[in-house]
Protein backbone atom coordinates (compact mmCIF):
# COMPACT_ATOMS: atom_id res chain seq x y z
CA MET A 1 7.79 99.79 -31.43
CA ARG A 2 8.85 96.15 -30.92
CA MET A 3 8.98 93.99 -34.05
CA LEU A 4 7.28 90.63 -33.72
CA PRO A 5 9.49 87.66 -34.62
CA ARG A 6 8.73 85.43 -37.59
CA SER A 7 6.05 83.07 -36.33
CA ARG A 8 5.09 80.90 -39.35
CA TYR A 9 7.07 77.80 -40.31
CA LYS A 10 6.65 75.31 -43.15
CA ILE A 11 7.67 71.90 -41.88
CA LYS A 12 8.23 68.51 -43.48
CA THR A 13 8.62 65.68 -40.98
CA LYS A 14 7.85 62.04 -40.26
CA VAL A 15 4.97 60.86 -38.04
CA TRP A 16 5.98 58.62 -35.14
CA ILE A 17 3.99 56.90 -32.42
CA TRP A 18 4.60 57.68 -28.75
CA PRO A 19 5.59 54.46 -26.96
CA GLY A 20 2.83 53.79 -24.48
CA MET A 21 -0.77 52.76 -24.06
CA ALA A 22 -2.32 55.88 -25.61
CA ALA A 23 -0.47 55.48 -28.96
CA TRP A 24 -0.29 59.23 -29.59
CA HIS A 25 0.87 60.12 -33.10
CA MET A 26 3.53 62.84 -32.99
CA VAL A 27 5.93 64.72 -35.21
CA THR A 28 9.27 66.22 -34.23
CA LEU A 29 10.04 69.62 -35.67
CA PRO A 30 13.38 69.81 -37.49
CA ARG A 31 16.26 70.94 -35.29
CA LYS A 32 16.88 74.13 -37.29
CA GLN A 33 13.30 75.34 -36.86
CA SER A 34 13.17 74.18 -33.23
CA ASP A 35 16.33 76.13 -32.42
CA LYS A 36 14.90 79.28 -34.05
CA ILE A 37 11.54 78.93 -32.27
CA LYS A 38 13.28 78.40 -28.93
CA GLU A 39 15.51 81.43 -29.52
CA LEU A 40 12.59 83.70 -30.44
CA PHE A 41 9.81 82.44 -28.15
CA SER A 42 11.35 80.70 -25.11
CA ASP A 43 10.37 83.59 -22.83
CA MET A 44 6.71 82.92 -23.77
CA HIS A 45 6.62 79.22 -22.77
CA ARG A 46 3.78 77.91 -20.66
CA GLY A 47 3.75 74.72 -18.55
CA TRP A 48 5.83 71.76 -19.80
CA SER A 49 7.73 74.21 -22.04
CA SER A 50 4.72 74.45 -24.33
CA LEU A 51 3.90 77.11 -26.88
CA PRO A 52 0.42 77.67 -28.33
CA VAL A 53 0.23 77.17 -32.10
CA ILE A 54 -2.17 76.98 -35.01
CA VAL A 55 -1.37 74.11 -37.38
CA ARG A 56 -2.53 73.53 -40.94
CA LEU A 57 -2.19 70.02 -42.34
CA GLY A 58 -3.77 69.57 -45.74
CA ARG A 59 -7.20 71.23 -45.56
CA THR A 60 -7.43 70.99 -41.76
CA SER A 61 -6.41 73.67 -39.24
CA TRP A 62 -6.51 73.43 -35.46
CA LYS A 63 -5.22 75.08 -32.28
CA THR A 64 -2.86 73.07 -30.11
CA SER A 65 0.58 73.34 -28.49
CA ILE A 66 4.10 72.23 -29.26
CA PHE A 67 6.29 70.92 -26.45
CA TYR A 68 10.06 71.18 -26.10
CA ASP A 69 11.69 67.78 -25.68
CA LYS A 70 15.08 68.12 -23.99
CA LYS A 71 16.12 64.61 -25.04
CA SER A 72 15.85 65.39 -28.77
CA ALA A 73 16.51 69.14 -28.30
CA ALA A 74 13.52 69.83 -30.54
CA TYR A 75 9.81 70.62 -30.29
CA VAL A 76 7.23 67.88 -30.72
CA LEU A 77 3.67 68.26 -31.94
CA PRO A 78 0.89 65.79 -31.10
CA LEU A 79 -1.50 65.05 -33.98
CA LYS A 80 -5.16 64.80 -32.99
CA ALA A 81 -6.93 61.58 -34.00
CA GLU A 82 -9.67 63.64 -35.66
CA VAL A 83 -7.11 65.43 -37.85
CA ARG A 84 -5.26 62.21 -38.69
CA LYS A 85 -8.51 60.59 -39.84
CA LYS A 86 -9.57 63.60 -41.95
CA GLU A 87 -6.15 63.86 -43.62
CA LYS A 88 -5.51 60.07 -43.78
CA VAL A 89 -2.23 60.31 -41.83
CA THR A 90 -0.56 57.19 -40.42
CA GLY A 91 2.55 56.40 -38.40
CA GLY A 92 5.75 56.41 -40.45
CA GLN A 93 4.31 58.75 -43.08
CA THR A 94 6.17 61.95 -44.02
CA ILE A 95 3.87 64.98 -43.90
CA SER A 96 4.09 68.69 -44.65
CA LEU A 97 2.40 71.22 -42.39
CA VAL A 98 2.36 74.91 -41.60
CA LEU A 99 2.81 75.87 -37.97
CA GLU A 100 2.18 79.35 -36.59
CA ILE A 101 3.30 80.30 -33.08
CA LYS A 102 0.52 82.16 -31.24
CA PRO A 103 1.96 83.28 -27.87
C-alpha cells in the first residue's frame, strides 16, 4: 500500500500585486514548503506546472491552483477578489493560510 505524502501546509507570507493591468493579488509560498511540495507532487502537475489545492484563509475556504514560478523557484497562489474582500486582505499585508494539495 502506497503512503500518501503530507499534503497540508500552514503558510505565513506577504501579499503582492502582479505587475500588469489585471492587478492580481498573489502570495509566494516559502521556499522550504515549495521545495517539499515540488519534491512530493511534481509528478502530479497539470498545465503551467499547476497543482490543485484547497486553501483556507481566515473563515474562507476555496478550491484553486498553485503555480510553480521558475524565476523565484517557488509556488505562487492567486488570491480571488471575493476572498480578499471577505477577509479584508490588501497588497503588502502578511497573511496566514492553510493550503492542502489535492492532486
